[in-house]
Amino acid sequence: MKAKFLLTVCFLIITHYGAMFSQNVFNSIRNQEFIGARPLAMGETFVAIADDINALYWNPAGLPGINQLGINSMYADLFKSGVKNGYLSFCIPGPDRVGIGVDLLSIG
């Protein structure tokens, strides 16, 4: 029974090894994305107040606070390394404090 458990644990570690470390790479890229001038000017602490079109990226729970139609787009060549970052978002305020939004983020 103990050998079967040990074999299962080893199998899970081997099969998920790549996923564990690839997420660290994605997180380091995510911290370099430039989405919204206001959130970056606030030192990326925008999550707490997310009340404009940038809420789609930073905190979607802020969508009900949006009271006007919004379109946002950003493009950057990250540190001139050839890694391109493109972002496009569209948001429509709805009735009864409901916000509907769609965003597209491309890193490549």
PDB file of N, CA and C in Angstrom:
ATOM      1  N   MET A   1       0.826  -1.195   0.000  1.00  0.00           N
ATOM      2  CA  MET A   1       0.000   0.000   0.000  1.00  0.00           C
ATOM      3  C   MET A   1       0.870   1.260   0.000  1.00  0.00           C
ATOM      4  N   LYS A   2       1.942   1.247   0.817  1.00  0.00           N
ATOM      5  CA  LYS A   2       2.833   2.389   0.908  1.00  0.00           C
ATOM      6  C   LYS A   2       3.592   2.590  -0.407  1.00  0.00           C
ATOM      7  N   ALA A   3       3.991   1.505  -1.049  1.00  0.00           N
ATOM      8  CA  ALA A   3       4.712   1.591  -2.315  1.00  0.00           C
ATOM      9  C   ALA A   3       3.803   2.157  -3.418  1.00  0.00           C
ATOM     10  N   LYS A   4       2.531   1.782  -3.389  1.00  0.00           N
ATOM     11  CA  LYS A   4       1.583   2.284  -4.381  1.00  0.00           C
ATOM     12  C   LYS A   4       1.382   3.795  -4.211  1.00  0.00           C
ATOM     13  N   PHE A   5       1.303   4.246  -2.968  1.00  0.00           N
ATOM     14  CA  PHE A   5       1.149   5.669  -2.686  1.00  0.00           C
ATOM     15  C   PHE A   5       2.380   6.439  -3.156  1.00  0.00           C
ATOM     16  N   LEU A   6       3.568   5.922  -2.848  1.00  0.00           N
ATOM     17  CA  LEU A   6       4.813   6.559  -3.256  1.00  0.00           C
ATOM     18  C   LEU A   6       4.938   6.624  -4.773  1.00  0.00           C
ATOM     19  N   LEU A   7       4.538   5.577  -5.449  1.00  0.00           N
ATOM     20  CA  LEU A   7       4.565   5.548  -6.906  1.00  0.00           C
ATOM     21  C   LEU A   7       3.604   6.586  -7.487  1.00  0.00           C
ATOM     22  N   THR A   8       2.425   6.718  -6.890  1.00  0.00           N
ATOM     23  CA  THR A   8       1.448   7.711  -7.349  1.00  0.00           C
ATOM     24  C   THR A   8       1.980   9.127  -7.167  1.00  0.00           C
ATOM     25  N   VAL A   9       2.589   9.397  -6.024  1.00  0.00           N
ATOM     26  CA  VAL A   9       3.162  10.728  -5.764  1.00  0.00           C
ATOM     27  C   VAL A   9       4.275  11.035  -6.752  1.00  0.00           C
ATOM     28  N   CYS A  10       5.153  10.093  -6.994  1.00  0.00           N
ATOM     29  CA  CYS A  10       6.234  10.291  -7.969  1.00  0.00           C
ATOM     30  C   CYS A  10       5.684  10.543  -9.367  1.00  0.00           C
ATOM     31  N   PHE A  11       4.656   9.804  -9.748  1.00  0.00           N
ATOM     32  CA  PHE A  11       4.040   9.989 -11.057  1.00  0.00           C
ATOM     33  C   PHE A  11       3.450  11.396 -11.189  1.00  0.00           C
ATOM     34  N   LEU A  12       2.762  11.869 -10.159  1.00  0.00           N
ATOM     35  CA  LEU A  12       2.171  13.210 -10.194  1.00  0.00           C
ATOM     36  C   LEU A  12       3.234  14.302 -10.264  1.00  0.00           C
ATOM     37  N   ILE A  13       4.315  14.127  -9.538  1.00  0.00           N
ATOM     38  CA  ILE A  13       5.394  15.119  -9.573  1.00  0.00           C
ATOM     39  C   ILE A  13       6.029  15.170 -10.957  1.00  0.00           C
ATOM     40  N   ILE A  14       6.280  14.013 -11.541  1.00  0.00           N
ATOM     41  CA  ILE A  14       6.912  13.966 -12.863  1.00  0.00           C
ATOM     42  C   ILE A  14       6.002  14.555 -13.932  1.00  0.00           C
ATOM     43  N   THR A  15       4.713  14.234 -13.894  1.00  0.00           N
ATOM     44  CA  THR A  15       3.801  14.712 -14.936  1.00  0.00           C
ATOM     45  C   THR A  15       3.457  16.189 -14.799  1.00  0.00           C
ATOM     46  N   HIS A  16       3.556  16.750 -13.597  1.00  0.00           N
ATOM     47  CA  HIS A  16       3.198  18.157 -13.390  1.00  0.00           C
ATOM     48  C   HIS A  16       4.411  19.056 -13.198  1.00  0.00           C
ATOM     49  N   TYR A  17       5.604  18.527 -13.355  1.00  0.00           N
ATOM     50  CA  TYR A  17       6.834  19.283 -13.158  1.00  0.00           C
ATOM     51  C   TYR A  17       6.902  20.500 -14.091  1.00  0.00           C
ATOM     52  N   GLY A  18       6.622  20.291 -15.369  1.00  0.00           N
ATOM     53  CA  GLY A  18       6.676  21.382 -16.342  1.00  0.00           C
ATOM     54  C   GLY A  18       5.648  22.456 -16.066  1.00  0.00           C
ATOM     55  N   ALA A  19       4.450  22.057 -15.671  1.00  0.00           N
ATOM     56  CA  ALA A  19       3.392  23.034 -15.400  1.00  0.00           C
ATOM     57  C   ALA A  19       3.727  23.896 -14.193  1.00  0.00           C
ATOM     58  N   MET A  20       4.382  23.324 -13.209  1.00  0.00           N
ATOM     59  CA  MET A  20       4.732  24.097 -12.012  1.00  0.00           C
ATOM     60  C   MET A  20       5.712  25.215 -12.344  1.00  0.00           C
ATOM     61  N   PHE A  21       6.677  24.948 -13.206  1.00  0.00           N
ATOM     62  CA  PHE A  21       7.682  25.951 -13.501  1.00  0.00           C
ATOM     63  C   PHE A  21       7.278  26.868 -14.649  1.00  0.00           C
ATOM     64  N   SER A  22       6.412  26.435 -15.533  1.00  0.00           N
ATOM     65  CA  SER A  22       5.969  27.314 -16.614  1.00  0.00           C
ATOM     66  C   SER A  22       5.096  28.430 -16.073  1.00  0.00           C
ATOM     67  N   GLN A  23       4.387  28.194 -14.984  1.00  0.00           N
ATOM     68  CA  GLN A  23       3.569  29.248 -14.395  1.00  0.00           C
ATOM     69  C   GLN A  23       4.460  30.364 -13.853  1.00  0.00           C
ATOM     70  N   ASN A  24       5.616  30.048 -13.320  1.00  0.00           N
ATOM     71  CA  ASN A  24       6.531  31.082 -12.857  1.00  0.00           C
ATOM     72  C   ASN A  24       6.988  31.963 -14.007  1.00  0.00           C
ATOM     73  N   VAL A  25       7.224  31.372 -15.175  1.00  0.00           N
ATOM     74  CA  VAL A  25       7.593  32.148 -16.347  1.00  0.00           C
ATOM     75  C   VAL A  25       6.446  33.055 -16.747  1.00  0.00           C
ATOM     76  N   PHE A  26       5.207  32.548 -16.747  1.00  0.00           N
ATOM     77  CA  PHE A  26       4.059  33.370 -17.117  1.00  0.00           C
ATOM     78  C   PHE A  26       3.873  34.522 -16.132  1.00  0.00           C
ATOM     79  N   ASN A  27       4.057  34.268 -14.840  1.00  0.00           N
ATOM     80  CA  ASN A  27       3.905  35.330 -13.853  1.00  0.00           C
ATOM     81  C   ASN A  27       4.932  36.427 -14.051  1.00  0.00           C
ATOM     82  N   SER A  28       6.145  36.081 -14.431  1.00  0.00           N
ATOM     83  CA  SER A  28       7.147  37.114 -14.657  1.00  0.00           C
ATOM     84  C   SER A  28       6.809  37.930 -15.895  1.00  0.00           C
ATOM     85  N   ILE A  29       6.194  37.319 -16.916  1.00  0.00           N
ATOM     86  CA  ILE A  29       5.758  38.074 -18.087  1.00  0.00           C
ATOM     87  C   ILE A  29       4.557  38.938 -17.724  1.00  0.00           C
ATOM     88  N   ARG A  30       3.643  38.398 -16.931  1.00  0.00           N
ATOM     89  CA  ARG A  30       2.435  39.135 -16.559  1.00  0.00           C
ATOM     90  C   ARG A  30       2.775  40.414 -15.810  1.00  0.00           C
ATOM     91  N   ASN A  31       3.807  40.393 -14.998  1.00  0.00           N
ATOM     92  CA  ASN A  31       4.184  41.580 -14.255  1.00  0.00           C
ATOM     93  C   ASN A  31       4.801  42.652 -15.149  1.00  0.00           C
ATOM     94  N   GLN A  32       5.122  42.313 -16.386  1.00  0.00           N
ATOM     95  CA  GLN A  32       5.713  43.278 -17.300  1.00  0.00           C
ATOM     96  C   GLN A  32       4.683  43.854 -18.267  1.00  0.00           C
ATOM     97  N   GLU A  33       3.448  43.406 -18.185  1.00  0.00           N
ATOM     98  CA  GLU A  33       2.434  43.907 -19.100  1.00  0.00           C
ATOM     99  C   GLU A  33       2.047  45.324 -18.727  1.00  0.00           C
ATOM    100  N   PHE A  34       1.787  46.126 -19.743  1.00  0.00           N
ATOM    101  CA  PHE A  34       1.420  47.512 -19.533  1.00  0.00           C
ATOM    102  C   PHE A  34      -0.041  47.683 -19.920  1.00  0.00           C
ATOM    103  N   ILE A  35      -0.945  47.485 -18.978  1.00  0.00           N
ATOM    104  CA  ILE A  35      -2.374  47.591 -19.249  1.00  0.00           C
ATOM    105  C   ILE A  35      -2.934  48.756 -18.456  1.00  0.00           C
ATOM    106  N   GLY A  36      -3.184  49.867 -19.116  1.00  0.00           N
ATOM    107  CA  GLY A  36      -3.815  51.025 -18.512  1.00  0.00           C
ATOM    108  C   GLY A  36      -2.839  51.993 -17.867  1.00  0.00           C
ATOM    109  N   ALA A  37      -2.941  53.263 -18.245  1.00  0.00           N
ATOM    110  CA  ALA A  37      -2.057  54.284 -17.691  1.00  0.00           C
ATOM    111  C   ALA A  37      -2.405  54.582 -16.231  1.00  0.00           C
ATOM    112  N   ARG A  38      -3.687  54.653 -15.917  1.00  0.00           N
ATOM    113  CA  ARG A  38      -4.092  54.969 -14.547  1.00  0.00           C
ATOM    114  C   ARG A  38      -3.648  53.894 -13.545  1.00  0.00           C
ATOM    115  N   PRO A  39      -3.874  52.589 -13.826  1.00  0.00           N
ATOM    116  CA  PRO A  39      -3.395  51.579 -12.882  1.00  0.00           C
ATOM    117  C   PRO A  39      -1.877  51.599 -12.685  1.00  0.00           C
ATOM    118  N   LEU A  40      -1.129  51.848 -13.762  1.00  0.00           N
ATOM    119  CA  LEU A  40       0.322  51.885 -13.629  1.00  0.00           C
ATOM    120  C   LEU A  40       0.773  53.121 -12.857  1.00  0.00           C
ATOM    121  N   ALA A  41       0.062  54.252 -13.037  1.00  0.00           N
ATOM    122  CA  ALA A  41       0.396  55.464 -12.290  1.00  0.00           C
ATOM    123  C   ALA A  41       0.111  55.288 -10.806  1.00  0.00           C
ATOM    124  N   MET A  42      -0.842  54.421 -10.492  1.00  0.00           N
ATOM    125  CA  MET A  42      -1.177  54.162  -9.087  1.00  0.00           C
ATOM    126  C   MET A  42      -0.295  53.068  -8.494  1.00  0.00           C
ATOM    127  N   GLY A  43       0.735  52.681  -9.193  1.00  0.00           N
ATOM    128  CA  GLY A  43       1.632  51.644  -8.689  1.00  0.00           C
ATOM    129  C   GLY A  43       1.007  50.264  -8.736  1.00  0.00           C
ATOM    130  N   GLU A  44       0.133  50.039  -9.698  1.00  0.00           N
ATOM    131  CA  GLU A  44      -0.579  48.771  -9.890  1.00  0.00           C
ATOM    132  C   GLU A  44      -1.416  48.379  -8.672  1.00  0.00           C
ATOM    133  N   THR A  45      -1.923  49.371  -7.936  1.00  0.00           N
ATOM    134  CA  THR A  45      -2.830  49.106  -6.810  1.00  0.00           C
ATOM    135  C   THR A  45      -4.270  49.392  -7.212  1.00  0.00           C
ATOM    136  N   PHE A  46      -4.551  49.353  -8.476  1.00  0.00           N
ATOM    137  CA  PHE A  46      -5.856  49.680  -9.040  1.00  0.00           C
ATOM    138  C   PHE A  46      -6.920  48.647  -8.694  1.00  0.00           C
ATOM    139  N   VAL A  47      -6.526  47.481  -8.266  1.00  0.00           N
ATOM    140  CA  VAL A  47      -7.458  46.375  -8.004  1.00  0.00           C
ATOM    141  C   VAL A  47      -8.538  46.781  -7.012  1.00  0.00           C
ATOM    142  N   ALA A  48      -8.197  47.587  -6.026  1.00  0.00           N
ATOM    143  CA  ALA A  48      -9.146  47.947  -4.974  1.00  0.00           C
ATOM    144  C   ALA A  48     -10.256  48.870  -5.460  1.00  0.00           C
ATOM    145  N   ILE A  49      -9.984  49.736  -6.451  1.00  0.00           N
ATOM    146  CA  ILE A  49     -11.005  50.693  -6.861  1.00  0.00           C
ATOM    147  C   ILE A  49     -11.570  50.429  -8.247  1.00  0.00           C
ATOM    148  N   ALA A  50     -11.003  49.577  -9.027  1.00  0.00           N
ATOM    149  CA  ALA A  50     -11.388  49.223 -10.403  1.00  0.00           C
ATOM    150  C   ALA A  50     -12.761  49.752 -10.809  1.00  0.00           C
ATOM    151  N   ASP A  51     -12.803  50.977 -11.313  1.00  0.00           N
ATOM    152  CA  ASP A  51     -14.076  51.609 -11.641  1.00  0.00           C
ATOM    153  C   ASP A  51     -14.118  52.206 -13.049  1.00  0.00           C
ATOM    154  N   ASP A  52     -13.234  51.769 -13.924  1.00  0.00           N
ATOM    155  CA  ASP A  52     -13.293  52.202 -15.313  1.00  0.00           C
ATOM    156  C   ASP A  52     -13.004  51.009 -16.226  1.00  0.00           C
ATOM    157  N   ILE A  53     -12.754  51.255 -17.490  1.00  0.00           N
ATOM    158  CA  ILE A  53     -12.599  50.185 -18.473  1.00  0.00           C
ATOM    159  C   ILE A  53     -11.451  49.235 -18.120  1.00  0.00           C
ATOM    160  N   ASN A  54     -10.464  49.713 -17.375  1.00  0.00           N
ATOM    161  CA  ASN A  54      -9.336  48.860 -16.978  1.00  0.00           C
ATOM    162  C   ASN A  54      -9.739  47.784 -15.978  1.00  0.00           C
ATOM    163  N   ALA A  55     -10.948  47.854 -15.444  1.00  0.00           N
ATOM    164  CA  ALA A  55     -11.437  46.847 -14.503  1.00  0.00           C
ATOM    165  C   ALA A  55     -11.511  45.466 -15.156  1.00  0.00           C
ATOM    166  N   LEU A  56     -11.690  45.401 -16.458  1.00  0.00           N
ATOM    167  CA  LEU A  56     -11.743  44.111 -17.143  1.00  0.00           C
ATOM    168  C   LEU A  56     -10.467  43.311 -16.918  1.00  0.00           C
ATOM    169  N   TYR A  57      -9.339  43.969 -16.899  1.00  0.00           N
ATOM    170  CA  TYR A  57      -8.066  43.269 -16.702  1.00  0.00           C
ATOM    171  C   TYR A  57      -7.705  43.152 -15.224  1.00  0.00           C
ATOM    172  N   TRP A  58      -7.811  44.226 -14.486  1.00  0.00           N
ATOM    173  CA  TRP A  58      -7.327  44.264 -13.108  1.00  0.00           C
ATOM    174  C   TRP A  58      -8.275  43.617 -12.103  1.00  0.00           C
ATOM    175  N   ASN A  59      -9.586  43.847 -12.226  1.00  0.00           N
ATOM    176  CA  ASN A  59     -10.548  43.280 -11.284  1.00  0.00           C
ATOM    177  C   ASN A  59     -11.944  43.305 -11.912  1.00  0.00           C
ATOM    178  N   PRO A  60     -12.373  42.223 -12.565  1.00  0.00           N
ATOM    179  CA  PRO A  60     -13.677  42.201 -13.232  1.00  0.00           C
ATOM    180  C   PRO A  60     -14.855  42.442 -12.289  1.00  0.00           C
ATOM    181  N   ALA A  61     -14.663  42.290 -10.995  1.00  0.00           N
ATOM    182  CA  ALA A  61     -15.748  42.560 -10.051  1.00  0.00           C
ATOM    183  C   ALA A  61     -16.096  44.046 -10.023  1.00  0.00           C
ATOM    184  N   GLY A  62     -15.254  44.894 -10.582  1.00  0.00           N
ATOM    185  CA  GLY A  62     -15.528  46.323 -10.643  1.00  0.00           C
ATOM    186  C   GLY A  62     -16.393  46.733 -11.817  1.00  0.00           C
ATOM    187  N   LEU A  63     -16.788  45.798 -12.680  1.00  0.00           N
ATOM    188  CA  LEU A  63     -17.606  46.139 -13.850  1.00  0.00           C
ATOM    189  C   LEU A  63     -18.937  46.807 -13.503  1.00  0.00           C
ATOM    190  N   PRO A  64     -19.621  46.435 -12.439  1.00  0.00           N
ATOM    191  CA  PRO A  64     -20.872  47.140 -12.125  1.00  0.00           C
ATOM    192  C   PRO A  64     -20.679  48.620 -11.823  1.00  0.00           C
ATOM    193  N   GLY A  65     -19.473  49.048 -11.484  1.00  0.00           N
ATOM    194  CA  GLY A  65     -19.206  50.453 -11.211  1.00  0.00           C
ATOM    195  C   GLY A  65     -19.003  51.292 -12.460  1.00  0.00           C
ATOM    196  N   ILE A  66     -18.953  50.659 -13.617  1.00  0.00           N
ATOM    197  CA  ILE A  66     -18.752  51.391 -14.868  1.00  0.00           C
ATOM    198  C   ILE A  66     -20.078  51.996 -15.302  1.00  0.00           C
ATOM    199  N   ASN A  67     -20.059  53.304 -15.601  1.00  0.00           N
ATOM    200  CA  ASN A  67     -21.304  53.978 -15.972  1.00  0.00           C
ATOM    201  C   ASN A  67     -21.302  54.538 -17.387  1.00  0.00           C
ATOM    202  N   GLN A  68     -20.301  54.194 -18.185  1.00  0.00           N
ATOM    203  CA  GLN A  68     -20.284  54.646 -19.572  1.00  0.00           C
ATOM    204  C   GLN A  68     -19.610  53.617 -20.470  1.00  0.00           C
ATOM    205  N   LEU A  69     -19.916  53.680 -21.748  1.00  0.00           N
ATOM    206  CA  LEU A  69     -19.328  52.798 -22.744  1.00  0.00           C
ATOM    207  C   LEU A  69     -17.824  53.041 -22.790  1.00  0.00           C
ATOM    208  N   GLY A  70     -17.039  51.985 -22.916  1.00  0.00           N
ATOM    209  CA  GLY A  70     -15.593  52.166 -22.948  1.00  0.00           C
ATOM    210  C   GLY A  70     -14.898  51.246 -23.920  1.00  0.00           C
ATOM    211  N   ILE A  71     -13.847  51.773 -24.549  1.00  0.00           N
ATOM    212  CA  ILE A  71     -12.972  51.008 -25.436  1.00  0.00           C
ATOM    213  C   ILE A  71     -11.544  51.338 -25.032  1.00  0.00           C
ATOM    214  N   ASN A  72     -10.714  50.330 -24.897  1.00  0.00           N
ATOM    215  CA  ASN A  72      -9.336  50.525 -24.473  1.00  0.00           C
ATOM    216  C   ASN A  72      -8.435  49.637 -25.325  1.00  0.00           C
ATOM    217  N   SER A  73      -7.298  50.160 -25.726  1.00  0.00           N
ATOM    218  CA  SER A  73      -6.331  49.333 -26.451  1.00  0.00           C
ATOM    219  C   SER A  73      -4.923  49.759 -26.068  1.00  0.00           C
ATOM    220  N   MET A  74      -4.025  48.798 -26.038  1.00  0.00           N
ATOM    221  CA  MET A  74      -2.629  49.046 -25.705  1.00  0.00           C
ATOM    222  C   MET A  74      -1.769  48.139 -26.585  1.00  0.00           C
ATOM    223  N   TYR A  75      -0.573  48.600 -26.876  1.00  0.00           N
ATOM    224  CA  TYR A  75       0.388  47.791 -27.617  1.00  0.00           C
ATOM    225  C   TYR A  75       1.783  48.131 -27.113  1.00  0.00           C
ATOM    226  N   ALA A  76       2.620  47.138 -26.927  1.00  0.00           N
ATOM    227  CA  ALA A  76       3.992  47.384 -26.486  1.00  0.00           C
ATOM    228  C   ALA A  76       4.903  46.268 -26.968  1.00  0.00           C
ATOM    229  N   ASP A  77       6.135  46.639 -27.250  1.00  0.00           N
ATOM    230  CA  ASP A  77       7.204  45.683 -27.493  1.00  0.00           C
ATOM    231  C   ASP A  77       7.978  45.636 -26.181  1.00  0.00           C
ATOM    232  N   LEU A  78       7.788  44.577 -25.407  1.00  0.00           N
ATOM    233  CA  LEU A  78       8.321  44.528 -24.053  1.00  0.00           C
ATOM    234  C   LEU A  78       9.835  44.614 -24.029  1.00  0.00           C
ATOM    235  N   PHE A  79      10.342  45.711 -23.542  1.00  0.00           N
ATOM    236  CA  PHE A  79      11.768  45.953 -23.388  1.00  0.00           C
ATOM    237  C   PHE A  79      12.532  45.750 -24.687  1.00  0.00           C
ATOM    238  N   LYS A  80      11.873  45.976 -25.816  1.00  0.00           N
ATOM    239  CA  LYS A  80      12.473  45.810 -27.151  1.00  0.00           C
ATOM    240  C   LYS A  80      13.136  44.448 -27.304  1.00  0.00           C
ATOM    241  N   SER A  81      12.486  43.447 -26.716  1.00  0.00           N
ATOM    242  CA  SER A  81      13.031  42.092 -26.760  1.00  0.00           C
ATOM    243  C   SER A  81      12.386  41.249 -27.860  1.00  0.00           C
ATOM    244  N   GLY A  82      11.428  41.815 -28.576  1.00  0.00           N
ATOM    245  CA  GLY A  82      10.724  41.058 -29.595  1.00  0.00           C
ATOM    246  C   GLY A  82       9.460  40.408 -29.068  1.00  0.00           C
ATOM    247  N   VAL A  83       9.206  40.512 -27.763  1.00  0.00           N
ATOM    248  CA  VAL A  83       7.973  39.984 -27.179  1.00  0.00           C
ATOM    249  C   VAL A  83       6.923  41.084 -27.282  1.00  0.00           C
ATOM    250  N   LYS A  84       5.926  40.850 -28.115  1.00  0.00           N
ATOM    251  CA  LYS A  84       4.895  41.847 -28.362  1.00  0.00           C
ATOM    252  C   LYS A  84       3.704  41.627 -27.433  1.00  0.00           C
ATOM    253  N   ASN A  85       3.158  42.706 -26.916  1.00  0.00           N
ATOM    254  CA  ASN A  85       2.021  42.668 -26.012  1.00  0.00           C
ATOM    255  C   ASN A  85       0.907  43.526 -26.608  1.00  0.00           C
ATOM    256  N   GLY A  86      -0.229  42.918 -26.924  1.00  0.00           N
ATOM    257  CA  GLY A  86      -1.363  43.644 -27.463  1.00  0.00           C
ATOM    258  C   GLY A  86      -2.587  43.421 -26.595  1.00  0.00           C
ATOM    259  N   TYR A  87      -3.365  44.471 -26.362  1.00  0.00           N
ATOM    260  CA  TYR A  87      -4.540  44.374 -25.500  1.00  0.00           C
ATOM    261  C   TYR A  87      -5.662  45.215 -26.088  1.00  0.00           C
ATOM    262  N   LEU A  88      -6.875  44.656 -26.084  1.00  0.00           N
ATOM    263  CA  LEU A  88      -8.059  45.353 -26.564  1.00  0.00           C
ATOM    264  C   LEU A  88      -9.220  44.996 -25.648  1.00  0.00           C
ATOM    265  N   SER A  89      -9.972  46.001 -25.205  1.00  0.00           N
ATOM    266  CA  SER A  89     -11.127  45.727 -24.341  1.00  0.00           C
ATOM    267  C   SER A  89     -12.291  46.623 -24.732  1.00  0.00           C
ATOM    268  N   PHE A  90     -13.494  46.121 -24.480  1.00  0.00           N
ATOM    269  CA  PHE A  90     -14.734  46.817 -24.803  1.00  0.00           C
ATOM    270  C   PHE A  90     -15.725  46.543 -23.677  1.00  0.00           C
ATOM    271  N   CYS A  91     -16.376  47.585 -23.175  1.00  0.00           N
ATOM    272  CA  CYS A  91     -17.287  47.423 -22.048  1.00  0.00           C
ATOM    273  C   CYS A  91     -18.563  48.235 -22.263  1.00  0.00           C
ATOM    274  N   ILE A  92     -19.689  47.638 -21.896  1.00  0.00           N
ATOM    275  CA  ILE A  92     -21.002  48.285 -21.998  1.00  0.00           C
ATOM    276  C   ILE A  92     -21.658  48.250 -20.614  1.00  0.00           C
ATOM    277  N   PRO A  93     -22.102  49.406 -20.101  1.00  0.00           N
ATOM    278  CA  PRO A  93     -22.831  49.374 -18.831  1.00  0.00           C
ATOM    279  C   PRO A  93     -24.240  48.840 -19.059  1.00  0.00           C
ATOM    280  N   GLY A  94     -24.731  48.078 -18.137  1.00  0.00           N
ATOM    281  CA  GLY A  94     -26.067  47.510 -18.255  1.00  0.00           C
ATOM    282  C   GLY A  94     -26.991  48.071 -17.188  1.00  0.00           C
ATOM    283  N   PRO A  95     -28.233  47.633 -17.202  1.00  0.00           N
ATOM    284  CA  PRO A  95     -29.180  48.102 -16.192  1.00  0.00           C
ATOM    285  C   PRO A  95     -28.907  47.468 -14.824  1.00  0.00           C
ATOM    286  N   ASP A  96     -29.353  48.108 -13.787  1.00  0.00           N
ATOM    287  CA  ASP A  96     -29.250  47.574 -12.421  1.00  0.00           C
ATOM    288  C   ASP A  96     -27.811  47.250 -12.030  1.00  0.00           C
ATOM    289  N   ARG A  97     -26.893  48.182 -12.334  1.00  0.00           N
ATOM    290  CA  ARG A  97     -25.483  48.035 -11.954  1.00  0.00           C
ATOM    291  C   ARG A  97     -24.880  46.720 -12.441  1.00  0.00           C
ATOM    292  N   VAL A  98     -25.073  46.462 -13.715  1.00  0.00           N
ATOM    293  CA  VAL A  98     -24.473  45.297 -14.369  1.00  0.00           C
ATOM    294  C   VAL A  98     -23.572  45.817 -15.478  1.00  0.00           C
ATOM    295  N   GLY A  99     -22.384  45.281 -15.573  1.00  0.00           N
ATOM    296  CA  GLY A  99     -21.469  45.652 -16.641  1.00  0.00           C
ATOM    297  C   GLY A  99     -21.117  44.436 -17.475  1.00  0.00           C
ATOM    298  N   ILE A 100     -21.052  44.635 -18.776  1.00  0.00           N
ATOM    299  CA  ILE A 100     -20.714  43.549 -19.690  1.00  0.00           C
ATOM    300  C   ILE A 100     -19.460  43.973 -20.445  1.00  0.00           C
ATOM    301  N   GLY A 101     -18.457  43.113 -20.432  1.00  0.00           N
ATOM    302  CA  GLY A 101     -17.208  43.476 -21.082  1.00  0.00           C
ATOM    303  C   GLY A 101     -16.522  42.284 -21.720  1.00  0.00           C
ATOM    304  N   VAL A 102     -15.702  42.595 -22.717  1.00  0.00           N
ATOM    305  CA  VAL A 102     -14.910  41.581 -23.417  1.00  0.00           C
ATOM    306  C   VAL A 102     -13.512  42.161 -23.580  1.00  0.00           C
ATOM    307  N   ASP A 103     -12.496  41.351 -23.298  1.00  0.00           N
ATOM    308  CA  ASP A 103     -11.140  41.811 -23.535  1.00  0.00           C
ATOM    309  C   ASP A 103     -10.317  40.710 -24.184  1.00  0.00           C
ATOM    310  N   LEU A 104      -9.262  41.122 -24.870  1.00  0.00           N
ATOM    311  CA  LEU A 104      -8.385  40.204 -25.588  1.00  0.00           C
ATOM    312  C   LEU A 104      -6.955  40.613 -25.283  1.00  0.00           C
ATOM    313  N   LEU A 105      -6.157  39.677 -24.808  1.00  0.00           N
ATOM    314  CA  LEU A 105      -4.768  39.915 -24.493  1.00  0.00           C
ATOM    315  C   LEU A 105      -3.921  38.957 -25.314  1.00  0.00           C
ATOM    316  N   SER A 106      -2.921  39.493 -25.992  1.00  0.00           N
ATOM    317  CA  SER A 106      -2.060  38.675 -26.822  1.00  0.00           C
ATOM    318  C   SER A 106      -0.599  38.953 -26.469  1.00  0.00           C
ATOM    319  N   ILE A 107       0.114  37.901 -26.118  1.00  0.00           N
ATOM    320  CA  ILE A 107       1.549  38.023 -25.851  1.00  0.00           C
ATOM    321  C   ILE A 107       2.249  37.070 -26.796  1.00  0.00           C
ATOM    322  N   GLY A 108       3.170  37.576 -27.587  1.00  0.00           N
ATOM    323  CA  GLY A 108       3.843  36.699 -28.528  1.00  0.00           C
ATOM    324  C   GLY A 108       5.042  37.333 -29.132  1.00  0.00           C
TER     325      GLY A 108
END
